[in-house]
Amino acid sequence: MAAMEAKIIHITIERNWRDVYTFAARPDNMPLWASGLAAGLEPDGEDWVAHGALGNARISFTPLNDFGVLDHLVTLETGLAVHNALRVVPNGSGAEVMFTLLRQPGMSKEQFDSDADWVQKDLNALKEQMEV
């Protein structure tokens, strides 16, 4: 498979990067900022299950780590598995949060741009949660 088109979507948050990482790494906090998971997540073994308009999705999170890596694999009922690369890194006394969005095969430019807007909205919501 050829490399997919990618967009790095990021935001600066005026809060210690470890605080941002600790908050964002908790699946039970995700409905507070990740709108696609607004209905919440339920644990299922080592994974989590999200119920949404497109059906159920199984989400496997990377283990907690000292590097700010919040990668997660989302597997839809169709079997499509999408790797989401999410990072929280130090930026002075704050944090930079970066999400790598990959344009999936068959995805139109309009869908890709819409997904990028959605990710930016979610990162803005994370910023609002963390800068209170």
Protein backbone atom coordinates (compact mmCIF):
# COMPACT_ATOMS: atom_id res chain seq x y z
CA MET A 1 0.00 0.00 0.00
CA ALA A 2 1.28 3.45 -0.88
CA ALA A 3 1.74 6.07 1.82
CA MET A 4 -1.47 7.92 2.62
CA GLU A 5 -1.88 11.67 2.61
CA ALA A 6 -1.37 12.99 6.14
CA LYS A 7 -2.25 16.11 8.11
CA ILE A 8 -0.71 16.97 11.44
CA ILE A 9 -3.32 18.76 13.52
CA HIS A 10 -2.01 20.38 16.69
CA ILE A 11 -2.77 22.78 19.48
CA THR A 12 -0.76 24.48 22.21
CA ILE A 13 -2.13 24.10 25.72
CA GLU A 14 -0.97 26.31 28.59
CA ARG A 15 -0.70 23.48 31.10
CA ASN A 16 2.13 21.16 32.06
CA TRP A 17 2.42 18.44 29.42
CA ARG A 18 2.28 15.66 32.02
CA ASP A 19 -1.05 16.99 33.33
CA VAL A 20 -2.44 17.05 29.79
CA TYR A 21 -1.14 13.55 29.09
CA THR A 22 -2.52 12.14 32.34
CA PHE A 23 -5.96 13.64 31.66
CA ALA A 24 -6.11 12.68 27.98
CA ALA A 25 -4.85 9.14 28.61
CA ARG A 26 -7.86 8.22 30.75
CA PRO A 27 -10.54 6.64 28.56
CA ASP A 28 -13.24 7.77 31.01
CA ASN A 29 -12.22 11.42 30.34
CA MET A 30 -12.49 11.11 26.56
CA PRO A 31 -16.21 11.96 26.34
CA LEU A 32 -15.29 15.34 27.86
CA TRP A 33 -13.20 16.31 24.83
CA ALA A 34 -13.35 13.66 22.07
CA SER A 35 -16.79 14.28 20.55
CA GLY A 36 -16.81 11.03 18.59
CA LEU A 37 -16.81 9.28 21.95
CA ALA A 38 -19.41 11.52 23.58
CA ALA A 39 -21.61 8.50 24.36
CA GLY A 40 -18.76 7.15 26.46
CA LEU A 41 -16.56 4.10 26.46
CA GLU A 42 -17.05 0.85 28.29
CA PRO A 43 -14.19 -1.42 29.24
CA ASP A 44 -13.99 -4.81 27.53
CA GLY A 45 -10.95 -6.77 28.67
CA GLU A 46 -7.85 -4.76 27.81
CA ASP A 47 -9.77 -2.75 25.18
CA TRP A 48 -12.66 -0.32 25.27
CA VAL A 49 -15.87 -0.26 23.23
CA ALA A 50 -17.51 2.89 21.88
CA HIS A 51 -21.10 2.86 20.66
CA GLY A 52 -21.83 5.35 17.91
CA ALA A 53 -23.80 6.18 14.82
CA LEU A 54 -21.57 3.90 12.73
CA GLY A 55 -21.98 0.98 15.13
CA ASN A 56 -19.61 -0.28 17.76
CA ALA A 57 -15.89 0.40 17.62
CA ARG A 58 -13.23 -1.44 19.60
CA ILE A 59 -10.44 0.82 20.80
CA SER A 60 -7.04 -0.43 21.89
CA PHE A 61 -4.89 2.15 23.65
CA THR A 62 -1.14 2.15 23.91
CA PRO A 63 0.04 1.48 27.49
CA LEU A 64 0.78 4.46 29.71
CA ASN A 65 4.30 5.70 29.07
CA ASP A 66 6.78 8.46 29.87
CA PHE A 67 6.88 9.79 26.29
CA GLY A 68 3.39 11.29 25.91
CA VAL A 69 2.28 8.70 23.35
CA LEU A 70 -1.50 8.27 23.23
CA ASP A 71 -1.77 6.16 20.10
CA HIS A 72 -4.88 4.05 19.73
CA LEU A 73 -6.21 1.55 17.23
CA VAL A 74 -9.89 1.89 16.33
CA THR A 75 -11.45 -1.21 14.81
CA LEU A 76 -14.91 -0.80 13.31
CA GLU A 77 -17.48 -3.59 13.03
CA THR A 78 -16.63 -3.77 9.31
CA GLY A 79 -13.13 -4.88 10.29
CA LEU A 80 -11.52 -1.63 9.16
CA ALA A 81 -8.73 -0.80 11.63
CA VAL A 82 -7.46 2.77 11.82
CA HIS A 83 -4.26 3.67 13.68
CA ASN A 84 -4.53 7.07 15.33
CA ALA A 85 -1.22 8.65 16.32
CA LEU A 86 -1.66 11.16 19.14
CA ARG A 87 1.16 12.79 21.07
CA VAL A 88 1.52 15.19 23.97
CA VAL A 89 4.96 16.80 24.13
CA PRO A 90 6.52 19.51 26.30
CA ASN A 91 6.38 23.03 24.91
CA GLY A 92 8.01 25.36 27.42
CA SER A 93 5.86 25.26 30.55
CA GLY A 94 2.93 24.01 28.46
CA ALA A 95 2.14 21.24 26.03
CA GLU A 96 1.80 20.66 22.33
CA VAL A 97 -0.81 18.06 21.37
CA MET A 98 -0.46 16.57 17.89
CA PHE A 99 -2.74 14.22 16.02
CA THR A 100 -1.69 12.64 12.73
CA LEU A 101 -4.72 12.23 10.49
CA LEU A 102 -4.28 9.81 7.60
CA ARG A 103 -6.53 9.96 4.56
CA GLN A 104 -7.97 6.47 4.32
CA PRO A 105 -8.33 4.71 0.95
CA GLY A 106 -11.53 5.78 -0.78
CA MET A 107 -11.93 8.89 1.39
CA SER A 108 -12.80 12.03 -0.57
CA LYS A 109 -10.92 15.28 -0.04
CA GLU A 110 -14.12 16.73 1.46
CA GLN A 111 -14.36 13.86 3.97
CA PHE A 112 -10.68 14.22 4.84
CA ASP A 113 -11.04 17.96 5.38
CA SER A 114 -14.16 17.38 7.47
CA ASP A 115 -12.31 14.83 9.63
CA ALA A 116 -9.46 17.34 10.09
CA ASP A 117 -11.96 19.98 11.23
CA TRP A 118 -13.49 17.47 13.66
CA VAL A 119 -10.07 16.62 15.15
CA GLN A 120 -9.28 20.34 15.54
CA LYS A 121 -12.60 20.86 17.33
CA ASP A 122 -11.77 18.00 19.70
CA LEU A 123 -8.30 19.39 20.41
CA ASN A 124 -9.89 22.78 21.12
CA ALA A 125 -12.21 21.05 23.61
CA LEU A 126 -9.21 19.39 25.28
CA LYS A 127 -7.56 22.80 25.57
CA GLU A 128 -10.71 24.22 27.20
CA GLN A 129 -10.77 21.35 29.70
CA MET A 130 -7.09 21.78 30.60
CA GLU A 131 -6.87 25.57 30.82
CA VAL A 132 -9.63 26.05 33.40
